Amino acid sequence: MAGRRRWSTEEILDAAAEMLRTSDTESFSVRKLAAVLGTDSSSLYRHFRNKTELLRAVADRILLSAMDGYRPEGDWKQRILTMARRVREAFGQHPQLAAVWARYASGGTGSRLIVDETLQALRASGLPEEQIPLCYHRIAVLIAALVASEAGFATVPPEEHEQGMEQFRVAVLGADPERFPALAHFARDIRPLGGDREAAFEEILAVQLAHVEALAGTR
């Protein structure tokens, strides 16, 4: 009797990424992945100790794809903006994994490439050396939060999205002006959280980079 096929680490990650295109991380399991591959869970645990380690590895591949072909161009702010846009776009294609990255982070090659380039860009900003790690952390937290938040909206089924929009319209446009005077006043200009995400991403990140620039300018 022929033995079961031995799957490589890359093939396992490919299969996991494909599964996660149509399912969320909560319902994903090593057992289900093993079934798709026609093997048993124990064979996969030779590559990854647990589900979290596997998900981290898949998320890191998204970061690695985001850095594929990247070349540092422009000033330090442009370098960070370009990387942030690449990460946002990459996780936009795999929204289920954005929350994994934001929650567990990753120590893989993709993550290290992004961390290193961000630190190099911050060095080029003129920041004092002792301020660079803290500024990096603030930028990393901000990007992860924005990407994960946007991905959360992307995974909402259409019918739930429409229900949410209806609740938004009722809550905002129907706000009692006596109890919620400011909300009633600005109601027609308030946008739902899922709207205009790209512009919000750019503007929020630009504010953080302007703060870094101000710190560098006080040196």
N, C-alpha and C. Protein backbone atom coordinates (compact mmCIF):
# COMPACT_ATOMS: atom_id res chain seq x y z
N MET A 1 0.85 -1.20 0.00
CA MET A 1 0.00 0.00 0.00
C MET A 1 0.89 1.25 0.00
N ALA A 2 0.57 2.15 -0.90
CA ALA A 2 1.38 3.37 -0.98
C ALA A 2 1.14 4.24 0.24
N GLY A 3 2.20 4.85 0.74
CA GLY A 3 2.07 5.73 1.90
C GLY A 3 1.44 7.06 1.51
N ARG A 4 1.01 7.78 2.50
CA ARG A 4 0.41 9.09 2.23
C ARG A 4 1.46 10.06 1.74
N ARG A 5 1.02 10.98 0.92
CA ARG A 5 1.94 11.98 0.38
C ARG A 5 2.49 12.85 1.49
N ARG A 6 3.74 13.21 1.38
CA ARG A 6 4.35 14.15 2.33
C ARG A 6 4.24 15.56 1.75
N TRP A 7 3.56 16.40 2.48
CA TRP A 7 3.35 17.77 2.02
C TRP A 7 4.47 18.66 2.55
N SER A 8 4.95 19.57 1.68
CA SER A 8 5.98 20.51 2.10
C SER A 8 5.34 21.64 2.91
N THR A 9 6.17 22.38 3.62
CA THR A 9 5.67 23.51 4.40
C THR A 9 4.98 24.52 3.50
N GLU A 10 5.56 24.81 2.34
CA GLU A 10 4.97 25.78 1.42
C GLU A 10 3.63 25.30 0.89
N GLU A 11 3.51 24.01 0.60
CA GLU A 11 2.23 23.48 0.10
C GLU A 11 1.15 23.56 1.18
N ILE A 12 1.54 23.31 2.41
CA ILE A 12 0.59 23.41 3.53
C ILE A 12 0.11 24.85 3.67
N LEU A 13 1.03 25.80 3.57
CA LEU A 13 0.66 27.21 3.69
C LEU A 13 -0.21 27.65 2.53
N ASP A 14 0.07 27.13 1.33
CA ASP A 14 -0.77 27.45 0.17
C ASP A 14 -2.21 26.97 0.40
N ALA A 15 -2.34 25.75 0.89
CA ALA A 15 -3.67 25.19 1.13
C ALA A 15 -4.40 25.95 2.24
N ALA A 16 -3.67 26.32 3.28
CA ALA A 16 -4.28 27.07 4.39
C ALA A 16 -4.76 28.43 3.91
N ALA A 17 -3.96 29.11 3.11
CA ALA A 17 -4.34 30.42 2.59
C ALA A 17 -5.58 30.32 1.71
N GLU A 18 -5.67 29.26 0.92
CA GLU A 18 -6.83 29.07 0.06
C GLU A 18 -8.08 28.81 0.89
N MET A 19 -7.96 28.00 1.94
CA MET A 19 -9.09 27.75 2.82
C MET A 19 -9.58 29.03 3.46
N LEU A 20 -8.64 29.87 3.86
CA LEU A 20 -8.99 31.10 4.58
C LEU A 20 -9.61 32.17 3.67
N ARG A 21 -9.59 31.94 2.37
CA ARG A 21 -10.27 32.86 1.46
C ARG A 21 -11.78 32.80 1.66
N THR A 22 -12.26 31.63 2.05
CA THR A 22 -13.70 31.43 2.14
C THR A 22 -14.18 31.08 3.54
N SER A 23 -13.30 31.11 4.52
CA SER A 23 -13.71 30.82 5.89
C SER A 23 -12.97 31.75 6.84
N ASP A 24 -13.48 31.87 8.06
CA ASP A 24 -12.83 32.73 9.02
C ASP A 24 -11.84 31.92 9.87
N THR A 25 -11.01 32.63 10.61
CA THR A 25 -9.97 31.96 11.39
C THR A 25 -10.53 31.17 12.55
N GLU A 26 -11.71 31.54 13.03
CA GLU A 26 -12.30 30.82 14.15
C GLU A 26 -12.75 29.43 13.74
N SER A 27 -13.32 29.30 12.54
CA SER A 27 -13.78 28.00 12.08
C SER A 27 -12.66 27.18 11.45
N PHE A 28 -11.56 27.84 11.12
CA PHE A 28 -10.41 27.13 10.54
C PHE A 28 -9.77 26.25 11.61
N SER A 29 -9.34 25.07 11.21
CA SER A 29 -8.66 24.18 12.15
C SER A 29 -7.61 23.35 11.42
N VAL A 30 -6.63 22.88 12.14
CA VAL A 30 -5.61 22.01 11.56
C VAL A 30 -6.25 20.72 11.07
N ARG A 31 -7.23 20.24 11.79
CA ARG A 31 -7.92 19.01 11.40
C ARG A 31 -8.60 19.17 10.05
N LYS A 32 -9.29 20.30 9.84
CA LYS A 32 -9.96 20.56 8.57
C LYS A 32 -8.94 20.70 7.45
N LEU A 33 -7.85 21.36 7.73
CA LEU A 33 -6.80 21.52 6.73
C LEU A 33 -6.23 20.16 6.34
N ALA A 34 -5.99 19.31 7.34
CA ALA A 34 -5.47 17.98 7.07
C ALA A 34 -6.43 17.18 6.18
N ALA A 35 -7.73 17.33 6.43
CA ALA A 35 -8.73 16.62 5.63
C ALA A 35 -8.69 17.07 4.17
N VAL A 36 -8.51 18.38 3.96
CA VAL A 36 -8.42 18.91 2.60
C VAL A 36 -7.20 18.33 1.88
N LEU A 37 -6.11 18.17 2.62
CA LEU A 37 -4.87 17.65 2.04
C LEU A 37 -4.86 16.13 1.97
N GLY A 38 -5.87 15.50 2.54
CA GLY A 38 -5.93 14.05 2.51
C GLY A 38 -4.91 13.39 3.41
N THR A 39 -4.65 14.01 4.54
CA THR A 39 -3.68 13.47 5.49
C THR A 39 -4.26 13.60 6.90
N ASP A 40 -3.45 13.32 7.91
CA ASP A 40 -3.92 13.46 9.29
C ASP A 40 -3.23 14.65 9.95
N SER A 41 -3.82 15.12 11.04
CA SER A 41 -3.31 16.31 11.72
C SER A 41 -1.87 16.15 12.18
N SER A 42 -1.52 14.95 12.60
CA SER A 42 -0.17 14.72 13.14
C SER A 42 0.91 15.04 12.11
N SER A 43 0.62 14.81 10.83
CA SER A 43 1.62 15.10 9.81
C SER A 43 1.85 16.60 9.66
N LEU A 44 0.80 17.39 9.94
CA LEU A 44 0.95 18.85 9.84
C LEU A 44 1.65 19.41 11.07
N TYR A 45 1.46 18.75 12.20
CA TYR A 45 2.11 19.21 13.44
C TYR A 45 3.62 18.99 13.40
N ARG A 46 4.10 18.28 12.41
CA ARG A 46 5.56 18.17 12.23
C ARG A 46 6.12 19.48 11.68
N HIS A 47 5.24 20.26 11.05
CA HIS A 47 5.65 21.54 10.47
C HIS A 47 5.31 22.72 11.38
N PHE A 48 4.17 22.62 12.07
CA PHE A 48 3.70 23.71 12.93
C PHE A 48 3.21 23.12 14.25
N ARG A 49 3.59 23.74 15.35
CA ARG A 49 3.26 23.18 16.66
C ARG A 49 1.78 23.30 16.99
N ASN A 50 1.11 24.33 16.45
CA ASN A 50 -0.30 24.53 16.76
C ASN A 50 -0.93 25.42 15.69
N LYS A 51 -2.24 25.64 15.83
CA LYS A 51 -2.99 26.44 14.87
C LYS A 51 -2.47 27.88 14.81
N THR A 52 -2.17 28.45 15.96
CA THR A 52 -1.69 29.83 15.98
C THR A 52 -0.40 29.99 15.20
N GLU A 53 0.53 29.07 15.38
CA GLU A 53 1.80 29.13 14.66
C GLU A 53 1.58 29.02 13.16
N LEU A 54 0.64 28.18 12.76
CA LEU A 54 0.32 28.04 11.35
C LEU A 54 -0.28 29.32 10.79
N LEU A 55 -1.22 29.92 11.52
CA LEU A 55 -1.84 31.16 11.06
C LEU A 55 -0.82 32.30 10.97
N ARG A 56 0.07 32.34 11.93
CA ARG A 56 1.12 33.37 11.88
C ARG A 56 1.97 33.21 10.63
N ALA A 57 2.27 31.96 10.28
CA ALA A 57 3.09 31.71 9.10
C ALA A 57 2.37 32.12 7.83
N VAL A 58 1.05 31.86 7.77
CA VAL A 58 0.28 32.27 6.60
C VAL A 58 0.24 33.80 6.52
N ALA A 59 0.01 34.45 7.65
CA ALA A 59 -0.03 35.91 7.67
C ALA A 59 1.31 36.50 7.25
N ASP A 60 2.40 35.86 7.66
CA ASP A 60 3.71 36.38 7.28
C ASP A 60 3.95 36.28 5.78
N ARG A 61 3.37 35.27 5.17
CA ARG A 61 3.50 35.16 3.72
C ARG A 61 2.79 36.32 3.03
N ILE A 62 1.72 36.82 3.64
CA ILE A 62 1.04 38.00 3.08
C ILE A 62 1.97 39.21 3.16
N LEU A 63 2.66 39.35 4.28
CA LEU A 63 3.62 40.44 4.43
C LEU A 63 4.76 40.29 3.42
N LEU A 64 5.20 39.06 3.22
CA LEU A 64 6.28 38.80 2.26
C LEU A 64 5.84 39.17 0.85
N SER A 65 4.58 38.86 0.51
CA SER A 65 4.07 39.22 -0.81
C SER A 65 3.95 40.74 -0.94
N ALA A 66 3.64 41.41 0.18
CA ALA A 66 3.53 42.87 0.14
C ALA A 66 4.87 43.52 -0.17
N MET A 67 5.95 42.87 0.25
CA MET A 67 7.29 43.42 0.03
C MET A 67 7.93 42.94 -1.27
N ASP A 68 7.24 42.06 -1.98
CA ASP A 68 7.78 41.54 -3.23
C ASP A 68 7.95 42.66 -4.26
N GLY A 69 9.16 42.86 -4.72
CA GLY A 69 9.44 43.90 -5.70
C GLY A 69 9.60 45.29 -5.11
N TYR A 70 9.50 45.41 -3.80
CA TYR A 70 9.64 46.72 -3.17
C TYR A 70 11.06 47.25 -3.31
N ARG A 71 11.17 48.52 -3.64
CA ARG A 71 12.47 49.21 -3.68
C ARG A 71 12.30 50.55 -2.98
N PRO A 72 13.19 50.90 -2.05
CA PRO A 72 13.07 52.18 -1.35
C PRO A 72 13.18 53.34 -2.34
N GLU A 73 12.16 54.17 -2.38
CA GLU A 73 12.16 55.33 -3.27
C GLU A 73 11.56 56.52 -2.53
N GLY A 74 12.06 57.71 -2.85
CA GLY A 74 11.54 58.91 -2.22
C GLY A 74 12.15 59.15 -0.85
N ASP A 75 11.58 60.11 -0.12
CA ASP A 75 12.09 60.42 1.20
C ASP A 75 11.57 59.39 2.21
N TRP A 76 11.91 59.58 3.47
CA TRP A 76 11.56 58.59 4.48
C TRP A 76 10.05 58.43 4.64
N LYS A 77 9.31 59.55 4.52
CA LYS A 77 7.86 59.45 4.64
C LYS A 77 7.26 58.66 3.48
N GLN A 78 7.76 58.90 2.29
CA GLN A 78 7.24 58.18 1.14
C GLN A 78 7.52 56.68 1.25
N ARG A 79 8.68 56.34 1.80
CA ARG A 79 9.01 54.92 1.97
C ARG A 79 8.02 54.23 2.91
N ILE A 80 7.70 54.89 4.02
CA ILE A 80 6.76 54.29 4.98
C ILE A 80 5.35 54.24 4.40
N LEU A 81 4.94 55.28 3.71
CA LEU A 81 3.62 55.30 3.08
C LEU A 81 3.48 54.20 2.04
N THR A 82 4.54 54.01 1.25
CA THR A 82 4.50 52.97 0.22
C THR A 82 4.36 51.59 0.84
N MET A 83 5.13 51.33 1.90
CA MET A 83 5.03 50.04 2.58
C MET A 83 3.64 49.84 3.18
N ALA A 84 3.12 50.87 3.81
CA ALA A 84 1.80 50.78 4.44
C ALA A 84 0.73 50.48 3.40
N ARG A 85 0.81 51.14 2.25
CA ARG A 85 -0.16 50.87 1.19
C ARG A 85 -0.06 49.45 0.68
N ARG A 86 1.16 48.97 0.57
CA ARG A 86 1.37 47.59 0.10
C ARG A 86 0.77 46.58 1.09
N VAL A 87 0.98 46.83 2.37
CA VAL A 87 0.42 45.93 3.40
C VAL A 87 -1.10 45.98 3.36
N ARG A 88 -1.66 47.17 3.26
CA ARG A 88 -3.12 47.31 3.19
C ARG A 88 -3.68 46.57 1.99
N GLU A 89 -3.05 46.72 0.85
CA GLU A 89 -3.53 46.05 -0.36
C GLU A 89 -3.41 44.54 -0.25
N ALA A 90 -2.29 44.06 0.29
CA ALA A 90 -2.08 42.62 0.41
C ALA A 90 -3.12 41.98 1.32
N PHE A 91 -3.37 42.58 2.47
CA PHE A 91 -4.36 42.02 3.39
C PHE A 91 -5.79 42.27 2.90
N GLY A 92 -5.96 43.24 2.00
CA GLY A 92 -7.27 43.44 1.40
C GLY A 92 -7.70 42.23 0.59
N GLN A 93 -6.73 41.47 0.08
CA GLN A 93 -7.01 40.25 -0.66
C GLN A 93 -7.17 39.04 0.27
N HIS A 94 -6.74 39.18 1.51
CA HIS A 94 -6.85 38.11 2.51
C HIS A 94 -7.34 38.70 3.82
N PRO A 95 -8.54 39.30 3.85
CA PRO A 95 -8.99 40.01 5.04
C PRO A 95 -9.08 39.16 6.30
N GLN A 96 -9.34 37.85 6.14
CA GLN A 96 -9.44 36.99 7.32
C GLN A 96 -8.13 36.95 8.10
N LEU A 97 -7.02 37.14 7.39
CA LEU A 97 -5.71 37.03 8.03
C LEU A 97 -5.24 38.36 8.63
N ALA A 98 -5.90 39.45 8.30
CA ALA A 98 -5.50 40.75 8.85
C ALA A 98 -5.63 40.76 10.36
N ALA A 99 -6.71 40.17 10.87
CA ALA A 99 -6.91 40.11 12.32
C ALA A 99 -5.86 39.23 12.98
N VAL A 100 -5.45 38.17 12.29
CA VAL A 100 -4.40 37.29 12.83
C VAL A 100 -3.11 38.06 12.98
N TRP A 101 -2.76 38.81 11.94
CA TRP A 101 -1.53 39.60 11.98
C TRP A 101 -1.58 40.65 13.09
N ALA A 102 -2.72 41.34 13.20
CA ALA A 102 -2.85 42.37 14.22
C ALA A 102 -2.84 41.78 15.63
N ARG A 103 -3.38 40.58 15.77
CA ARG A 103 -3.50 39.97 17.10
C ARG A 103 -2.22 39.26 17.55
N TYR A 104 -1.64 38.49 16.65
CA TYR A 104 -0.51 37.65 17.03
C TYR A 104 0.84 38.16 16.55
N ALA A 105 0.82 39.07 15.55
CA ALA A 105 2.06 39.55 14.93
C ALA A 105 2.78 38.38 14.26
N SER A 106 4.01 38.59 13.88
CA SER A 106 4.76 37.54 13.19
C SER A 106 6.23 37.83 13.30
N GLY A 107 7.02 36.77 13.38
CA GLY A 107 8.46 36.96 13.43
C GLY A 107 9.14 36.42 12.20
N GLY A 108 8.34 36.20 11.14
CA GLY A 108 8.87 35.63 9.92
C GLY A 108 9.63 36.63 9.07
N THR A 109 10.06 36.17 7.89
CA THR A 109 10.86 37.00 7.00
C THR A 109 10.10 38.23 6.54
N GLY A 110 8.82 38.07 6.20
CA GLY A 110 8.05 39.22 5.75
C GLY A 110 7.97 40.30 6.80
N SER A 111 7.71 39.89 8.02
CA SER A 111 7.63 40.85 9.13
C SER A 111 8.96 41.56 9.34
N ARG A 112 10.04 40.78 9.30
CA ARG A 112 11.36 41.39 9.54
C ARG A 112 11.75 42.36 8.43
N LEU A 113 11.35 42.07 7.20
CA LEU A 113 11.64 42.99 6.10
C LEU A 113 10.95 44.33 6.34
N ILE A 114 9.70 44.28 6.76
CA ILE A 114 8.94 45.51 6.99
C ILE A 114 9.48 46.28 8.18
N VAL A 115 9.79 45.57 9.26
CA VAL A 115 10.34 46.23 10.45
C VAL A 115 11.66 46.90 10.11
N ASP A 116 12.53 46.19 9.41
CA ASP A 116 13.84 46.74 9.10
C ASP A 116 13.75 47.96 8.21
N GLU A 117 12.90 47.90 7.19
CA GLU A 117 12.77 49.04 6.28
C GLU A 117 12.16 50.24 6.99
N THR A 118 11.20 50.00 7.89
CA THR A 118 10.60 51.10 8.64
C THR A 118 11.64 51.76 9.54
N LEU A 119 12.44 50.96 10.20
CA LEU A 119 13.50 51.51 11.06
C LEU A 119 14.52 52.30 10.24
N GLN A 120 14.86 51.78 9.06
CA GLN A 120 15.80 52.51 8.20
C GLN A 120 15.21 53.85 7.76
N ALA A 121 13.92 53.83 7.42
CA ALA A 121 13.26 55.07 7.00
C ALA A 121 13.25 56.08 8.14
N LEU A 122 12.97 55.62 9.35
CA LEU A 122 12.94 56.52 10.50
C LEU A 122 14.34 57.07 10.81
N ARG A 123 15.35 56.26 10.59
CA ARG A 123 16.73 56.77 10.74
C ARG A 123 16.97 57.91 9.77
N ALA A 124 16.46 57.75 8.54
CA ALA A 124 16.67 58.79 7.51
C ALA A 124 15.89 60.06 7.82
N SER A 125 14.92 59.97 8.74
CA SER A 125 14.11 61.15 9.08
C SER A 125 14.89 62.16 9.92
N GLY A 126 15.97 61.70 10.53
CA GLY A 126 16.73 62.58 11.41
C GLY A 126 16.34 62.46 12.87
N LEU A 127 15.47 61.52 13.19
CA LEU A 127 15.09 61.31 14.58
C LEU A 127 16.30 60.93 15.43
N PRO A 128 16.33 61.35 16.67
CA PRO A 128 17.37 60.85 17.57
C PRO A 128 17.23 59.33 17.70
N GLU A 129 18.33 58.63 17.80
CA GLU A 129 18.33 57.16 17.84
C GLU A 129 17.41 56.62 18.94
N GLU A 130 17.40 57.28 20.08
CA GLU A 130 16.62 56.74 21.20
C GLU A 130 15.12 56.86 20.97
N GLN A 131 14.68 57.71 20.04
CA GLN A 131 13.25 57.86 19.78
C GLN A 131 12.74 56.94 18.67
N ILE A 132 13.65 56.36 17.92
CA ILE A 132 13.25 55.55 16.76
C ILE A 132 12.42 54.32 17.15
N PRO A 133 12.82 53.51 18.14
CA PRO A 133 12.00 52.33 18.49
C PRO A 133 10.57 52.69 18.88
N LEU A 134 10.38 53.75 19.67
CA LEU A 134 9.04 54.13 20.10
C LEU A 134 8.20 54.60 18.90
N CYS A 135 8.80 55.41 18.04
CA CYS A 135 8.07 55.88 16.86
C CYS A 135 7.73 54.72 15.93
N TYR A 136 8.64 53.76 15.81
CA TYR A 136 8.33 52.57 15.01
C TYR A 136 7.11 51.86 15.59
N HIS A 137 7.09 51.69 16.90
CA HIS A 137 6.00 50.97 17.54
C HIS A 137 4.67 51.67 17.29
N ARG A 138 4.65 52.99 17.40
CA ARG A 138 3.42 53.74 17.18
C ARG A 138 2.91 53.56 15.75
N ILE A 139 3.82 53.61 14.80
CA ILE A 139 3.45 53.46 13.39
C ILE A 139 2.94 52.04 13.13
N ALA A 140 3.63 51.04 13.69
CA ALA A 140 3.24 49.65 13.48
C ALA A 140 1.86 49.37 14.05
N VAL A 141 1.60 49.87 15.27
CA VAL A 141 0.29 49.67 15.90
C VAL A 141 -0.80 50.34 15.07
N LEU A 142 -0.52 51.53 14.60
CA LEU A 142 -1.51 52.27 13.82
C LEU A 142 -1.85 51.53 12.52
N ILE A 143 -0.84 51.09 11.79
CA ILE A 143 -1.08 50.40 10.52
C ILE A 143 -1.84 49.10 10.76
N ALA A 144 -1.43 48.33 11.77
CA ALA A 144 -2.10 47.06 12.06
C ALA A 144 -3.55 47.29 12.42
N ALA A 145 -3.82 48.32 13.23
CA ALA A 145 -5.20 48.60 13.64
C ALA A 145 -6.06 49.03 12.46
N LEU A 146 -5.53 49.88 11.60
CA LEU A 146 -6.29 50.35 10.45
C LEU A 146 -6.56 49.21 9.47
N VAL A 147 -5.55 48.40 9.21
CA VAL A 147 -5.71 47.28 8.28
C VAL A 147 -6.71 46.26 8.82
N ALA A 148 -6.59 45.93 10.11
CA ALA A 148 -7.49 44.95 10.71
C ALA A 148 -8.93 45.47 10.74
N SER A 149 -9.08 46.75 11.03
CA SER A 149 -10.41 47.34 11.07
C SER A 149 -11.07 47.30 9.70
N GLU A 150 -10.32 47.68 8.69
CA GLU A 150 -10.85 47.66 7.33
C GLU A 150 -11.19 46.24 6.88
N ALA A 151 -10.33 45.30 7.24
CA ALA A 151 -10.57 43.90 6.87
C ALA A 151 -11.82 43.38 7.54
N GLY A 152 -12.09 43.85 8.75
CA GLY A 152 -13.28 43.42 9.45
C GLY A 152 -14.55 43.76 8.68
N PHE A 153 -14.58 44.92 8.07
CA PHE A 153 -15.73 45.31 7.26
C PHE A 153 -15.81 44.47 5.99
N ALA A 154 -14.64 44.11 5.46
CA ALA A 154 -14.62 43.35 4.20
C ALA A 154 -15.17 41.94 4.36
N THR A 155 -15.14 41.41 5.57
CA THR A 155 -15.61 40.04 5.79
C THR A 155 -17.08 39.96 6.20
N VAL A 156 -17.74 41.10 6.31
CA VAL A 156 -19.16 41.10 6.68
C VAL A 156 -20.01 40.69 5.47
N PRO A 157 -20.89 39.71 5.61
CA PRO A 157 -21.76 39.30 4.49
C PRO A 157 -22.63 40.47 4.02
N PRO A 158 -22.99 40.48 2.73
CA PRO A 158 -23.77 41.60 2.17
C PRO A 158 -25.05 41.90 2.95
N GLU A 159 -25.79 40.86 3.36
CA GLU A 159 -27.06 41.12 4.06
C GLU A 159 -26.82 41.76 5.42
N GLU A 160 -25.74 41.35 6.10
CA GLU A 160 -25.41 41.97 7.39
C GLU A 160 -24.95 43.41 7.18
N HIS A 161 -24.23 43.63 6.11
CA HIS A 161 -23.77 44.99 5.81
C HIS A 161 -24.95 45.93 5.59
N GLU A 162 -25.94 45.46 4.84
CA GLU A 162 -27.11 46.29 4.57
C GLU A 162 -27.91 46.55 5.85
N GLN A 163 -27.99 45.54 6.71
CA GLN A 163 -28.66 45.74 7.99
C GLN A 163 -27.94 46.80 8.82
N GLY A 164 -26.61 46.73 8.79
CA GLY A 164 -25.82 47.72 9.53
C GLY A 164 -26.01 49.12 8.99
N MET A 165 -26.08 49.25 7.66
CA MET A 165 -26.30 50.55 7.05
C MET A 165 -27.66 51.12 7.43
N GLU A 166 -28.66 50.25 7.48
CA GLU A 166 -30.00 50.70 7.85
C GLU A 166 -30.02 51.17 9.30
N GLN A 167 -29.35 50.43 10.18
CA GLN A 167 -29.27 50.84 11.59
C GLN A 167 -28.53 52.16 11.72
N PHE A 168 -27.50 52.34 10.90
CA PHE A 168 -26.74 53.60 10.92
C PHE A 168 -27.64 54.77 10.51
N ARG A 169 -28.40 54.58 9.45
CA ARG A 169 -29.28 55.65 8.97
C ARG A 169 -30.32 56.02 10.02
N VAL A 170 -30.88 55.00 10.65
CA VAL A 170 -31.90 55.25 11.67
C VAL A 170 -31.28 55.96 12.87
N ALA A 171 -30.12 55.47 13.32
CA ALA A 171 -29.49 56.02 14.52
C ALA A 171 -28.99 57.44 14.31
N VAL A 172 -28.47 57.74 13.11
CA VAL A 172 -27.87 59.05 12.86
C VAL A 172 -28.91 60.05 12.35
N LEU A 173 -29.56 59.70 11.26
CA LEU A 173 -30.52 60.64 10.67
C LEU A 173 -31.77 60.82 11.54
N GLY A 174 -32.05 59.83 12.38
CA GLY A 174 -33.22 59.95 13.24
C GLY A 174 -32.88 60.36 14.66
N ALA A 175 -31.67 60.88 14.87
CA ALA A 175 -31.25 61.26 16.22
C ALA A 175 -32.10 62.40 16.79
N ASP A 176 -32.50 62.25 18.03
CA ASP A 176 -33.29 63.26 18.73
C ASP A 176 -32.42 64.49 18.98
N PRO A 177 -32.73 65.64 18.40
CA PRO A 177 -31.89 66.83 18.54
C PRO A 177 -31.79 67.35 19.97
N GLU A 178 -32.76 67.03 20.81
CA GLU A 178 -32.69 67.49 22.19
C GLU A 178 -31.71 66.64 23.00
N ARG A 179 -31.68 65.34 22.73
CA ARG A 179 -30.78 64.46 23.47
C ARG A 179 -29.39 64.38 22.84
N PHE A 180 -29.36 64.45 21.51
CA PHE A 180 -28.09 64.35 20.78
C PHE A 180 -27.95 65.55 19.84
N PRO A 181 -27.79 66.76 20.38
CA PRO A 181 -27.81 67.97 19.55
C PRO A 181 -26.71 68.01 18.49
N ALA A 182 -25.48 67.62 18.87
CA ALA A 182 -24.38 67.67 17.90
C ALA A 182 -24.58 66.63 16.80
N LEU A 183 -25.00 65.43 17.18
CA LEU A 183 -25.24 64.38 16.19
C LEU A 183 -26.32 64.79 15.21
N ALA A 184 -27.40 65.35 15.72
CA ALA A 184 -28.49 65.79 14.85
C ALA A 184 -28.02 66.90 13.90
N HIS A 185 -27.16 67.78 14.41
CA HIS A 185 -26.67 68.90 13.61
C HIS A 185 -25.81 68.41 12.44
N PHE A 186 -24.93 67.42 12.70
CA PHE A 186 -24.00 66.95 11.67
C PHE A 186 -24.47 65.68 10.98
N ALA A 187 -25.69 65.24 11.24
CA ALA A 187 -26.17 63.92 10.79
C ALA A 187 -25.95 63.66 9.30
N ARG A 188 -26.26 64.64 8.47
CA ARG A 188 -26.18 64.40 7.02
C ARG A 188 -24.74 64.37 6.50
N ASP A 189 -23.80 64.76 7.33
CA ASP A 189 -22.40 64.75 6.91
C ASP A 189 -21.60 63.61 7.55
N ILE A 190 -22.20 62.90 8.51
CA ILE A 190 -21.51 61.80 9.16
C ILE A 190 -21.54 60.58 8.25
N ARG A 191 -20.37 59.97 8.05
CA ARG A 191 -20.29 58.79 7.19
C ARG A 191 -20.17 57.53 8.04
N PRO A 192 -20.68 56.42 7.55
CA PRO A 192 -20.52 55.16 8.28
C PRO A 192 -19.05 54.76 8.32
N LEU A 193 -18.67 53.96 9.31
CA LEU A 193 -17.26 53.60 9.49
C LEU A 193 -16.70 52.86 8.29
N GLY A 194 -17.56 52.19 7.55
CA GLY A 194 -17.06 51.43 6.39
C GLY A 194 -16.83 52.27 5.16
N GLY A 195 -17.18 53.55 5.21
CA GLY A 195 -17.07 54.39 4.03
C GLY A 195 -15.73 55.12 3.92
N ASP A 196 -15.26 55.27 2.68
CA ASP A 196 -14.07 56.08 2.37
C ASP A 196 -12.87 55.64 3.20
N ARG A 197 -12.65 54.34 3.30
CA ARG A 197 -11.58 53.82 4.14
C ARG A 197 -10.19 54.19 3.63
N GLU A 198 -10.01 54.22 2.32
CA GLU A 198 -8.69 54.50 1.77
C GLU A 198 -8.23 55.92 2.13
N ALA A 199 -9.12 56.89 1.98
CA ALA A 199 -8.76 58.27 2.32
C ALA A 199 -8.47 58.39 3.81
N ALA A 200 -9.27 57.72 4.64
CA ALA A 200 -9.03 57.76 6.08
C ALA A 200 -7.68 57.16 6.43
N PHE A 201 -7.35 56.04 5.80
CA PHE A 201 -6.06 55.37 6.02
C PHE A 201 -4.91 56.33 5.72
N GLU A 202 -4.99 56.98 4.57
CA GLU A 202 -3.93 57.90 4.15
C GLU A 202 -3.80 59.09 5.10
N GLU A 203 -4.91 59.66 5.47
CA GLU A 203 -4.88 60.87 6.29
C GLU A 203 -4.41 60.58 7.72
N ILE A 204 -4.88 59.49 8.29
CA ILE A 204 -4.48 59.14 9.66
C ILE A 204 -2.99 58.84 9.72
N LEU A 205 -2.50 58.08 8.75
CA LEU A 205 -1.07 57.76 8.72
C LEU A 205 -0.23 59.01 8.49
N ALA A 206 -0.73 59.91 7.65
CA ALA A 206 0.00 61.16 7.37
C ALA A 206 0.14 62.00 8.64
N VAL A 207 -0.89 61.99 9.47
CA VAL A 207 -0.82 62.73 10.74
C VAL A 207 0.28 62.16 11.63
N GLN A 208 0.37 60.84 11.71
CA GLN A 208 1.41 60.22 12.53
C GLN A 208 2.81 60.53 12.00
N LEU A 209 2.96 60.51 10.69
CA LEU A 209 4.26 60.81 10.10
C LEU A 209 4.63 62.29 10.28
N ALA A 210 3.63 63.14 10.28
CA ALA A 210 3.88 64.57 10.53
C ALA A 210 4.36 64.76 11.97
N HIS A 211 3.83 63.96 12.88
CA HIS A 211 4.30 64.01 14.28
C HIS A 211 5.75 63.59 14.36
N VAL A 212 6.11 62.53 13.65
CA VAL A 212 7.52 62.09 13.63
C VAL A 212 8.41 63.19 13.06
N GLU A 213 7.94 63.82 11.98
CA GLU A 213 8.72 64.90 11.35
C GLU A 213 8.93 66.05 12.33
N ALA A 214 7.92 66.37 13.10
CA ALA A 214 8.04 67.44 14.09
C ALA A 214 9.06 67.08 15.15
N LEU A 215 9.06 65.82 15.59
CA LEU A 215 10.05 65.37 16.58
C LEU A 215 11.45 65.47 16.03
N ALA A 216 11.61 65.09 14.77
CA ALA A 216 12.92 65.15 14.13
C ALA A 216 13.39 66.60 13.99
N GLY A 217 12.44 67.49 13.77
CA GLY A 217 12.78 68.90 13.57
C GLY A 217 13.19 69.60 14.85
N THR A 218 12.87 69.02 16.01
CA THR A 218 13.24 69.64 17.28
C THR A 218 14.60 69.18 17.78
N ARG A 219 15.23 68.31 16.99
CA ARG A 219 16.52 67.77 17.42
C ARG A 219 17.56 68.85 17.51
